[in-house]
C-alpha atoms as a PDB file:
ATOM      1  CA  MET A   1       0.020  -0.016  -0.022  1.00  0.00           C
ATOM      2  CA  GLN A   2       1.295   3.387  -0.964  1.00  0.00           C
ATOM      3  CA  HIS A   3       0.264   6.849   0.194  1.00  0.00           C
ATOM      4  CA  ARG A   4       1.595  10.348  -0.274  1.00  0.00           C
ATOM      5  CA  GLU A   5       1.800  13.085   2.295  1.00  0.00           C
ATOM      6  CA  LYS A   6       3.678  16.334   3.022  1.00  0.00           C
ATOM      7  CA  ILE A   7       5.954  17.051   5.975  1.00  0.00           C
ATOM      8  CA  ILE A   8       7.420  20.398   7.102  1.00  0.00           C
ATOM      9  CA  THR A   9      11.102  21.072   7.631  1.00  0.00           C
ATOM     10  CA  LYS A  10      12.562  23.167  10.451  1.00  0.00           C
ATOM     11  CA  ASP A  11      12.720  26.147   8.081  1.00  0.00           C
ATOM     12  CA  GLU A  12       9.001  25.618   7.092  1.00  0.00           C
ATOM     13  CA  GLN A  13       9.437  24.087   3.668  1.00  0.00           C
ATOM     14  CA  GLU A  14       7.046  21.392   2.371  1.00  0.00           C
ATOM     15  CA  ILE A  15       8.640  18.063   1.501  1.00  0.00           C
ATOM     16  CA  ALA A  16       6.609  15.458  -0.504  1.00  0.00           C
ATOM     17  CA  ILE A  17       7.033  11.879   0.790  1.00  0.00           C
ATOM     18  CA  SER A  18       5.563   8.547  -0.279  1.00  0.00           C
ATOM     19  CA  VAL A  19       5.082   5.789   2.167  1.00  0.00           C
ATOM     20  CA  PHE A  20       4.995   2.102   1.077  1.00  0.00           C
ATOM     21  CA  ARG A  21       3.628  -0.225   3.793  1.00  0.00           C
ATOM     22  CA  PRO A  22       3.776  -4.036   3.790  1.00  0.00           C
ATOM     23  CA  SER A  23       0.702  -6.131   4.029  1.00  0.00           C
ATOM     24  CA  GLN A  24       2.355  -8.259   6.728  1.00  0.00           C
ATOM     25  CA  VAL A  25       4.053  -7.478  10.034  1.00  0.00           C
ATOM     26  CA  ILE A  26       6.504  -4.599   9.775  1.00  0.00           C
ATOM     27  CA  SER A  27      10.155  -5.783  10.344  1.00  0.00           C
ATOM     28  CA  LYS A  28      11.955  -2.486   9.745  1.00  0.00           C
ATOM     29  CA  VAL A  29      11.886   0.866   7.998  1.00  0.00           C
ATOM     30  CA  LEU A  30      13.930   2.042   4.947  1.00  0.00           C
ATOM     31  CA  ILE A  31      14.338   5.631   3.713  1.00  0.00           C
ATOM     32  CA  ILE A  32      15.550   6.166   0.138  1.00  0.00           C
ATOM     33  CA  GLY A  33      17.385   9.366  -0.562  1.00  0.00           C
ATOM     34  CA  ALA A  34      17.415  10.357  -4.311  1.00  0.00           C
ATOM     35  CA  ASP A  35      20.260  11.531  -6.418  1.00  0.00           C
ATOM     36  CA  VAL A  36      20.387  15.148  -7.571  1.00  0.00           C
ATOM     37  CA  ILE A  37      19.334  14.138 -11.084  1.00  0.00           C
ATOM     38  CA  THR A  38      16.469  11.876 -10.118  1.00  0.00           C
ATOM     39  CA  SER A  39      13.091  12.159  -8.360  1.00  0.00           C
ATOM     40  CA  GLN A  40      11.372   9.750  -6.026  1.00  0.00           C
ATOM     41  CA  GLU A  41       9.496   8.092  -8.865  1.00  0.00           C
ATOM     42  CA  THR A  42      12.765   6.470  -9.917  1.00  0.00           C
ATOM     43  CA  TYR A  43      12.573   4.251  -6.833  1.00  0.00           C
ATOM     44  CA  GLU A  44       8.863   3.273  -6.788  1.00  0.00           C
ATOM     45  CA  ASN A  45       9.284  -0.295  -8.134  1.00  0.00           C
ATOM     46  CA  PHE A  46      12.242  -0.973  -5.800  1.00  0.00           C
ATOM     47  CA  ALA A  47      10.294   0.453  -2.885  1.00  0.00           C
ATOM     48  CA  ARG A  48       7.235  -1.752  -3.597  1.00  0.00           C
ATOM     49  CA  TYR A  49       9.500  -4.826  -3.693  1.00  0.00           C
ATOM     50  CA  ILE A  50      11.181  -4.029  -0.350  1.00  0.00           C
ATOM     51  CA  ALA A  51       7.804  -3.290   1.227  1.00  0.00           C
ATOM     52  CA  SER A  52       6.607  -6.713   0.038  1.00  0.00           C
ATOM     53  CA  GLN A  53       9.524  -8.189   2.178  1.00  0.00           C
ATOM     54  CA  GLY A  54       7.984  -6.604   5.346  1.00  0.00           C
ATOM     55  CA  CYS A  55       9.551  -3.133   5.359  1.00  0.00           C
ATOM     56  CA  VAL A  56       7.965   0.308   5.516  1.00  0.00           C
ATOM     57  CA  VAL A  57       9.651   2.344   2.764  1.00  0.00           C
ATOM     58  CA  TYR A  58       9.864   6.078   2.513  1.00  0.00           C
ATOM     59  CA  THR A  59      10.743   7.925  -0.738  1.00  0.00           C
ATOM     60  CA  PHE A  60      10.802  11.664  -1.000  1.00  0.00           C
ATOM     61  CA  ASP A  61      11.738  14.655  -3.183  1.00  0.00           C
ATOM     62  CA  TYR A  62      14.171  17.351  -1.919  1.00  0.00           C
ATOM     63  CA  ARG A  63      12.913  20.899  -1.991  1.00  0.00           C
ATOM     64  CA  GLY A  64      12.706  22.438  -5.447  1.00  0.00           C
ATOM     65  CA  VAL A  65      12.381  19.195  -7.405  1.00  0.00           C
ATOM     66  CA  GLY A  66       9.607  16.612  -8.183  1.00  0.00           C
ATOM     67  CA  GLN A  67       6.585  16.910  -5.881  1.00  0.00           C
ATOM     68  CA  SER A  68       8.395  19.097  -3.440  1.00  0.00           C
ATOM     69  CA  LEU A  69       8.529  22.018  -5.964  1.00  0.00           C
ATOM     70  CA  THR A  70       6.075  24.371  -4.407  1.00  0.00           C
ATOM     71  CA  ASN A  71       6.755  27.490  -6.405  1.00  0.00           C
ATOM     72  CA  GLU A  72       7.798  28.347  -9.977  1.00  0.00           C
ATOM     73  CA  LEU A  73      11.136  26.755 -10.604  1.00  0.00           C
ATOM     74  CA  LYS A  74      12.814  29.939 -11.864  1.00  0.00           C
ATOM     75  CA  THR A  75      12.155  31.772  -8.609  1.00  0.00           C
ATOM     76  CA  TYR A  76      12.853  28.797  -6.324  1.00  0.00           C
ATOM     77  CA  ASN A  77      15.642  29.179  -3.806  1.00  0.00           C
ATOM     78  CA  ALA A  78      17.312  25.914  -2.824  1.00  0.00           C
ATOM     79  CA  SER A  79      20.769  24.682  -1.874  1.00  0.00           C
ATOM     80  CA  LEU A  80      22.435  21.313  -1.257  1.00  0.00           C
ATOM     81  CA  ASN A  81      23.212  22.137   2.329  1.00  0.00           C
ATOM     82  CA  GLN A  82      19.417  22.740   2.889  1.00  0.00           C
ATOM     83  CA  TRP A  83      18.824  19.319   1.288  1.00  0.00           C
ATOM     84  CA  GLY A  84      21.047  17.694   3.853  1.00  0.00           C
ATOM     85  CA  PHE A  85      20.665  19.766   6.966  1.00  0.00           C
ATOM     86  CA  MET A  86      16.861  20.393   6.580  1.00  0.00           C
ATOM     87  CA  ASP A  87      15.079  18.058   4.130  1.00  0.00           C
ATOM     88  CA  LEU A  88      16.786  14.725   4.828  1.00  0.00           C
ATOM     89  CA  ASP A  89      16.956  15.547   8.456  1.00  0.00           C
ATOM     90  CA  ALA A  90      13.180  16.090   8.450  1.00  0.00           C
ATOM     91  CA  VAL A  91      12.359  12.816   6.698  1.00  0.00           C
ATOM     92  CA  ILE A  92      14.603  10.789   9.077  1.00  0.00           C
ATOM     93  CA  LEU A  93      13.066  12.439  12.151  1.00  0.00           C
ATOM     94  CA  HIS A  94       9.478  11.883  10.764  1.00  0.00           C
ATOM     95  CA  ALA A  95      10.211   8.143  10.215  1.00  0.00           C
ATOM     96  CA  LYS A  96      11.761   7.839  13.697  1.00  0.00           C
ATOM     97  CA  ARG A  97       8.794   9.455  15.397  1.00  0.00           C
ATOM     98  CA  HIS A  98       6.327   7.123  13.548  1.00  0.00           C
ATOM     99  CA  PHE A  99       8.409   3.929  14.047  1.00  0.00           C
ATOM    100  CA  PRO A 100      10.435   4.560  17.258  1.00  0.00           C
ATOM    101  CA  LYS A 101      10.904   0.847  18.060  1.00  0.00           C
ATOM    102  CA  HIS A 102      11.859  -0.314  14.556  1.00  0.00           C
ATOM    103  CA  GLU A 103      15.291  -0.489  12.942  1.00  0.00           C
ATOM    104  CA  LEU A 104      15.764   2.433  10.645  1.00  0.00           C
ATOM    105  CA  ASP A 105      17.870   2.003   7.462  1.00  0.00           C
ATOM    106  CA  PHE A 106      18.899   4.551   4.857  1.00  0.00           C
ATOM    107  CA  MET A 107      19.579   4.001   1.104  1.00  0.00           C
ATOM    108  CA  ALA A 108      21.513   6.725  -0.619  1.00  0.00           C
ATOM    109  CA  HIS A 109      21.661   7.040  -4.475  1.00  0.00           C
ATOM    110  CA  GLY A 110      24.377   9.334  -5.798  1.00  0.00           C
ATOM    111  CA  THR A 111      24.553  12.694  -4.071  1.00  0.00           C
ATOM    112  CA  SER A 112      22.446  11.528  -1.077  1.00  0.00           C
ATOM    113  CA  GLY A 113      25.484   9.598   0.190  1.00  0.00           C
ATOM    114  CA  GLN A 114      27.204  13.004   0.695  1.00  0.00           C
ATOM    115  CA  LEU A 115      24.062  14.617   2.193  1.00  0.00           C
ATOM    116  CA  PHE A 116      23.700  11.692   4.641  1.00  0.00           C
ATOM    117  CA  GLY A 117      26.842  12.809   6.409  1.00  0.00           C
ATOM    118  CA  LEU A 118      25.629  16.336   6.690  1.00  0.00           C
ATOM    119  CA  SER A 119      22.327  15.417   8.318  1.00  0.00           C
ATOM    120  CA  PRO A 120      22.409  15.566  12.153  1.00  0.00           C
ATOM    121  CA  ALA A 121      19.636  12.967  12.247  1.00  0.00           C
ATOM    122  CA  SER A 122      21.928  10.393  10.612  1.00  0.00           C
ATOM    123  CA  GLN A 123      22.608   9.377  14.230  1.00  0.00           C
ATOM    124  CA  TYR A 124      19.227   7.530  14.157  1.00  0.00           C
ATOM    125  CA  ILE A 125      20.099   5.297  11.208  1.00  0.00           C
ATOM    126  CA  ASP A 126      21.056   1.668  12.014  1.00  0.00           C
ATOM    127  CA  ASN A 127      22.301   0.572   8.582  1.00  0.00           C
ATOM    128  CA  ALA A 128      23.017   2.379   5.272  1.00  0.00           C
ATOM    129  CA  ILE A 129      23.211   1.310   1.610  1.00  0.00           C
ATOM    130  CA  PHE A 130      25.033   3.432  -0.979  1.00  0.00           C
ATOM    131  CA  ILE A 131      24.334   3.144  -4.652  1.00  0.00           C
ATOM    132  CA  ASN A 132      26.766   4.901  -7.018  1.00  0.00           C
ATOM    133  CA  THR A 133      27.700   7.413  -4.316  1.00  0.00           C
ATOM    134  CA  SER A 134      30.977   9.334  -4.711  1.00  0.00           C
ATOM    135  CA  LEU A 135      32.680  12.596  -3.758  1.00  0.00           C
ATOM    136  CA  THR A 136      31.715  15.321  -6.160  1.00  0.00           C
ATOM    137  CA  CYS A 137      35.190  16.517  -6.936  1.00  0.00           C
ATOM    138  CA  TRP A 138      36.885  16.934 -10.313  1.00  0.00           C
ATOM    139  CA  ARG A 139      40.373  15.729  -9.373  1.00  0.00           C
ATOM    140  CA  PHE A 140      39.023  12.262  -8.520  1.00  0.00           C
ATOM    141  CA  TRP A 141      37.388  11.811 -11.984  1.00  0.00           C
ATOM    142  CA  PRO A 142      39.006  10.524 -15.239  1.00  0.00           C
ATOM    143  CA  TRP A 143      39.636  12.980 -18.045  1.00  0.00           C
ATOM    144  CA  TYR A 144      36.491  12.293 -19.980  1.00  0.00           C
ATOM    145  CA  ALA A 145      34.336  12.923 -16.885  1.00  0.00           C
ATOM    146  CA  GLN A 146      36.269  16.141 -16.223  1.00  0.00           C
ATOM    147  CA  PHE A 147      35.620  17.248 -19.788  1.00  0.00           C
ATOM    148  CA  LYS A 148      31.838  16.670 -19.385  1.00  0.00           C
ATOM    149  CA  ILE A 149      31.740  18.587 -16.147  1.00  0.00           C
ATOM    150  CA  SER A 150      33.807  21.400 -17.592  1.00  0.00           C
ATOM    151  CA  ALA A 151      31.356  21.693 -20.470  1.00  0.00           C
ATOM    152  CA  LEU A 152      28.437  21.754 -18.121  1.00  0.00           C
ATOM    153  CA  LYS A 153      30.074  24.391 -15.941  1.00  0.00           C
ATOM    154  CA  LEU A 154      30.530  26.616 -18.988  1.00  0.00           C
ATOM    155  CA  ILE A 155      26.998  26.394 -20.171  1.00  0.00           C
ATOM    156  CA  ARG A 156      25.301  26.316 -16.793  1.00  0.00           C
ATOM    157  CA  PRO A 157      25.273  30.186 -16.164  1.00  0.00           C
ATOM    158  CA  ILE A 158      24.102  30.791 -19.694  1.00  0.00           C
ATOM    159  CA  LEU A 159      21.268  28.270 -19.396  1.00  0.00           C
ATOM    160  CA  SER A 160      20.268  29.545 -16.025  1.00  0.00           C
ATOM    161  CA  LYS A 161      20.086  33.089 -17.292  1.00  0.00           C
ATOM    162  CA  ILE A 162      17.985  32.115 -20.200  1.00  0.00           C
ATOM    163  CA  PHE A 163      15.573  29.705 -18.364  1.00  0.00           C
ATOM    164  CA  GLY A 164      15.863  30.977 -14.750  1.00  0.00           C
ATOM    165  CA  TYR A 165      16.840  27.435 -13.689  1.00  0.00           C
ATOM    166  CA  PHE A 166      18.968  24.487 -14.878  1.00  0.00           C
ATOM    167  CA  PRO A 167      17.081  22.762 -17.791  1.00  0.00           C
ATOM    168  CA  GLY A 168      18.292  19.253 -17.064  1.00  0.00           C
ATOM    169  CA  LYS A 169      15.578  17.599 -19.055  1.00  0.00           C
ATOM    170  CA  ARG A 170      16.864  19.367 -22.249  1.00  0.00           C
ATOM    171  CA  LEU A 171      20.240  17.843 -21.577  1.00  0.00           C
ATOM    172  CA  GLY A 172      19.156  14.292 -21.150  1.00  0.00           C
ATOM    173  CA  PHE A 173      18.867  14.262 -17.333  1.00  0.00           C
ATOM    174  CA  ASN A 174      15.709  13.128 -15.509  1.00  0.00           C
ATOM    175  CA  GLN A 175      14.727  16.512 -14.074  1.00  0.00           C
ATOM    176  CA  ASN A 176      15.276  20.244 -14.103  1.00  0.00           C
ATOM    177  CA  LEU A 177      16.950  21.870 -11.041  1.00  0.00           C
ATOM    178  CA  PRO A 178      16.869  25.083  -9.170  1.00  0.00           C
ATOM    179  CA  SER A 179      19.936  27.244 -10.207  1.00  0.00           C
ATOM    180  CA  GLY A 180      21.188  27.321  -6.564  1.00  0.00           C
ATOM    181  CA  ILE A 181      21.555  23.375  -6.500  1.00  0.00           C
ATOM    182  CA  THR A 182      23.697  23.314  -9.724  1.00  0.00           C
ATOM    183  CA  LEU A 183      25.722  26.399  -8.565  1.00  0.00           C
ATOM    184  CA  GLU A 184      26.610  24.607  -5.283  1.00  0.00           C
ATOM    185  CA  LEU A 185      27.182  21.233  -6.988  1.00  0.00           C
ATOM    186  CA  TYR A 186      29.732  22.834  -9.261  1.00  0.00           C
ATOM    187  CA  ASP A 187      31.320  24.748  -6.336  1.00  0.00           C
ATOM    188  CA  TRP A 188      31.886  21.365  -4.607  1.00  0.00           C
ATOM    189  CA  CYS A 189      33.165  19.844  -7.810  1.00  0.00           C
ATOM    190  CA  SER A 190      35.746  22.718  -8.316  1.00  0.00           C
ATOM    191  CA  ARG A 191      37.404  22.405  -4.913  1.00  0.00           C
ATOM    192  CA  PRO A 192      40.183  20.028  -4.232  1.00  0.00           C
ATOM    193  CA  ASN A 193      38.278  18.317  -1.384  1.00  0.00           C
ATOM    194  CA  GLY A 194      34.751  18.739  -2.726  1.00  0.00           C
ATOM    195  CA  LEU A 195      32.102  19.506  -0.039  1.00  0.00           C
ATOM    196  CA  PHE A 196      34.730  19.052   2.693  1.00  0.00           C
ATOM    197  CA  ASP A 197      36.177  22.479   1.680  1.00  0.00           C
ATOM    198  CA  PHE A 198      32.833  23.888   2.819  1.00  0.00           C
ATOM    199  CA  PHE A 199      31.774  21.616   5.637  1.00  0.00           C
ATOM    200  CA  PRO A 200      33.766  19.729   8.223  1.00  0.00           C
ATOM    201  CA  ASP A 201      33.492  15.904   8.163  1.00  0.00           C
ATOM    202  CA  SER A 202      32.947  15.587  11.881  1.00  0.00           C
ATOM    203  CA  ASN A 203      29.443  14.202  11.492  1.00  0.00           C
ATOM    204  CA  PHE A 204      30.635  11.695   8.963  1.00  0.00           C
ATOM    205  CA  ARG A 205      33.274  10.424  11.408  1.00  0.00           C
ATOM    206  CA  LYS A 206      30.529   9.895  14.106  1.00  0.00           C
ATOM    207  CA  ILE A 207      28.623   7.337  12.001  1.00  0.00           C
ATOM    208  CA  GLN A 208      29.309   3.913  13.396  1.00  0.00           C
ATOM    209  CA  ILE A 209      27.081   1.626  11.354  1.00  0.00           C
ATOM    210  CA  PRO A 210      27.373  -1.083   8.560  1.00  0.00           C
ATOM    211  CA  ILE A 211      27.320   0.504   5.107  1.00  0.00           C
ATOM    212  CA  LEU A 212      26.841  -1.651   2.072  1.00  0.00           C
ATOM    213  CA  VAL A 213      28.219   0.105  -1.108  1.00  0.00           C
ATOM    214  CA  TYR A 214      27.645  -0.695  -4.812  1.00  0.00           C
ATOM    215  CA  SER A 215      29.258   1.319  -7.526  1.00  0.00           C
ATOM    216  CA  PHE A 216      29.676   0.473 -11.270  1.00  0.00           C
ATOM    217  CA  THR A 217      32.379   1.028 -13.748  1.00  0.00           C
ATOM    218  CA  ASP A 218      29.949   2.271 -16.443  1.00  0.00           C
ATOM    219  CA  ASP A 219      28.738   5.124 -14.309  1.00  0.00           C
ATOM    220  CA  TRP A 220      30.743   8.195 -15.073  1.00  0.00           C
ATOM    221  CA  PHE A 221      29.260  10.018 -12.067  1.00  0.00           C
ATOM    222  CA  SER A 222      30.914   7.539  -9.708  1.00  0.00           C
ATOM    223  CA  PRO A 223      34.500   6.724 -10.709  1.00  0.00           C
ATOM    224  CA  GLU A 224      36.279   4.271  -8.333  1.00  0.00           C
ATOM    225  CA  LEU A 225      38.646   6.885  -6.817  1.00  0.00           C
ATOM    226  CA  ALA A 226      35.841   9.289  -6.064  1.00  0.00           C
ATOM    227  CA  VAL A 227      33.812   6.555  -4.311  1.00  0.00           C
ATOM    228  CA  LYS A 228      36.801   5.494  -2.374  1.00  0.00           C
ATOM    229  CA  THR A 229      37.654   9.044  -1.260  1.00  0.00           C
ATOM    230  CA  LEU A 230      34.093   9.683   0.068  1.00  0.00           C
ATOM    231  CA  LEU A 231      34.008   6.409   1.985  1.00  0.00           C
ATOM    232  CA  THR A 232      37.399   7.375   3.789  1.00  0.00           C
ATOM    233  CA  HIS A 233      35.376  10.109   5.598  1.00  0.00           C
ATOM    234  CA  TYR A 234      33.012   7.497   7.125  1.00  0.00           C
ATOM    235  CA  THR A 235      35.957   6.506   9.330  1.00  0.00           C
ATOM    236  CA  GLN A 236      33.984   4.545  11.885  1.00  0.00           C
ATOM    237  CA  ALA A 237      31.548   2.738   9.675  1.00  0.00           C
ATOM    238  CA  SER A 238      31.926  -0.872   8.802  1.00  0.00           C
ATOM    239  CA  ILE A 239      32.041  -0.633   4.993  1.00  0.00           C
ATOM    240  CA  SER A 240      31.395  -3.540   2.472  1.00  0.00           C
ATOM    241  CA  TRP A 241      32.095  -2.135  -0.988  1.00  0.00           C
ATOM    242  CA  MET A 242      31.635  -3.798  -4.408  1.00  0.00           C
ATOM    243  CA  HIS A 243      32.891  -1.767  -7.449  1.00  0.00           C
ATOM    244  CA  LEU A 244      31.575  -3.909 -10.312  1.00  0.00           C
ATOM    245  CA  LYS A 245      31.739  -4.175 -14.136  1.00  0.00           C
ATOM    246  CA  PRO A 246      28.242  -4.905 -15.493  1.00  0.00           C
ATOM    247  CA  SER A 247      29.710  -8.159 -16.805  1.00  0.00           C
ATOM    248  CA  ASP A 248      30.446  -9.244 -13.275  1.00  0.00           C
ATOM    249  CA  VAL A 249      26.722  -9.665 -12.736  1.00  0.00           C
ATOM    250  CA  SER A 250      26.010 -10.810 -16.373  1.00  0.00           C
ATOM    251  CA  LEU A 251      24.615  -7.504 -17.491  1.00  0.00           C
ATOM    252  CA  LYS A 252      25.589  -5.323 -20.453  1.00  0.00           C
ATOM    253  CA  LYS A 253      24.792  -2.132 -18.720  1.00  0.00           C
ATOM    254  CA  VAL A 254      24.002  -0.767 -15.252  1.00  0.00           C
ATOM    255  CA  GLY A 255      24.992   2.903 -15.392  1.00  0.00           C
ATOM    256  CA  HIS A 256      23.865   5.446 -12.761  1.00  0.00           C
ATOM    257  CA  SER A 257      20.367   4.270 -12.175  1.00  0.00           C
ATOM    258  CA  GLY A 258      20.132   0.798 -13.579  1.00  0.00           C
ATOM    259  CA  PHE A 259      20.328  -0.724 -10.145  1.00  0.00           C
ATOM    260  CA  PHE A 260      16.648   0.370  -9.729  1.00  0.00           C
ATOM    261  CA  LEU A 261      15.226  -1.038 -12.919  1.00  0.00           C
ATOM    262  CA  GLU A 262      12.788  -3.852 -12.217  1.00  0.00           C
ATOM    263  CA  LYS A 263      14.445  -6.058 -14.878  1.00  0.00           C
ATOM    264  CA  ASN A 264      17.454  -6.182 -12.549  1.00  0.00           C
ATOM    265  CA  LYS A 265      15.430  -7.300  -9.528  1.00  0.00           C
ATOM    266  CA  ASN A 266      16.883 -10.796  -9.319  1.00  0.00           C
ATOM    267  CA  VAL A 267      20.449  -9.369  -9.719  1.00  0.00           C
ATOM    268  CA  PHE A 268      20.382  -6.682  -6.978  1.00  0.00           C
ATOM    269  CA  TRP A 269      17.086  -6.303  -5.112  1.00  0.00           C
ATOM    270  CA  THR A 270      16.917  -9.798  -3.627  1.00  0.00           C
ATOM    271  CA  PHE A 271      20.450  -9.388  -2.206  1.00  0.00           C
ATOM    272  CA  ILE A 272      19.580  -6.057  -0.622  1.00  0.00           C
ATOM    273  CA  ALA A 273      16.507  -7.593   1.012  1.00  0.00           C
ATOM    274  CA  ASP A 274      18.591 -10.481   2.260  1.00  0.00           C
ATOM    275  CA  TRP A 275      21.357  -8.144   3.537  1.00  0.00           C
ATOM    276  CA  MET A 276      18.838  -5.952   5.411  1.00  0.00           C
ATOM    277  CA  SER A 277      17.542  -9.042   7.302  1.00  0.00           C
ATOM    278  CA  LEU A 278      21.016 -10.000   8.596  1.00  0.00           C
ATOM    279  CA  SER A 279      22.170  -9.150  12.099  1.00  0.00           C
ATOM    280  CA  ASP A 280      24.647  -6.276  12.473  1.00  0.00           C
ATOM    281  CA  SER A 281      27.421  -8.665  13.381  1.00  0.00           C
ATOM    282  CA  ILE A 282      26.982 -10.643  10.135  1.00  0.00           C
ATOM    283  CA  LYS A 283      26.688  -7.442   8.104  1.00  0.00           C
ATOM    284  CA  LYS A 284      30.065  -6.286   9.401  1.00  0.00           C
ATOM    285  CA  ALA A 285      31.534  -9.574   8.365  1.00  0.00           C
ATOM    286  CA  VAL A 286      30.059  -9.577   4.769  1.00  0.00           C
END
C-alpha cells in the first residue's frame, strides 16, 4: 500500500514523501534518498519490492524538485546544504517518530551519500546502503568525466540566465533543477576536497554503522577513486564495498540508475532484502 503526504522542515518548507507499507508485520523501515538528477518516482518499483519483504519504505523529493517543488522553478531558492541539513533531516526524524521501536535504514543514491553525512539525524540510522555514491570533486574523476563537467560548468550560467533554472531535461537528465543546486554542486566539484572544503567531516566520522556500497564502472558520475575518497570520511563505519563491471553480474549495462530497474530485481534487489535482514554482526563480516 502506498500513500503520499507532506511534511514540514525546520525552516517551514514542504517536502513530499511517499510511504509504502507491507501487508504483513513490519520488520523495519527504509528511507531512500534520491540523487540530484532523479526524483522519487525512480525508486517506486524498488520500494514496492522492499515493502513486500516486510519493510515500511519512504521515498521523497528534496525541496525544489519533483513533488516538493512548491513555487515556480525559476524563482525557487534551494541549496544542497538545505537538502542535507533540513530536508533529509526532516524525513529521518519523521520516520523515527512514527516507528520509534523499529530498525531504521537509509539507502543513498548518488549525491544523497554525501548529504547523509551532513544530516544531524543520521545518528538515528542503523544501517546504510550506498548506490553509486561518490565525492563530487573533479580531481578524482577521469579525463572524460572532467571534460563533461567542464562543459556543463561553462553552459550552466548561460542556461540558468535564459531559463531561470537549470534545464536538465533538455540535456538528457531526469529533471530540471533550481539554479542554486547546480551552482553549489559545481562549487563542490571545483574544490580540491569537494564539499569538505565547505563543511567539516565531523558528523561523517561519528557514524558507526554497517554500510553496504555498490558502484559500477559504467557510471561516469561515480569513478572508483571518487567513491573510495568519500568512503574514507566515514571512518568509523563498517563498509562493505563492491565496485563492479556490468559483466560481473552478467549485464551489459548498469550505469547510474540501472540498479533500480525492475528487470534487474533478481540481480540486485533480492540481495539487498537479504542483507537488510541480517544481524549487525553478520553485516560487518560480509
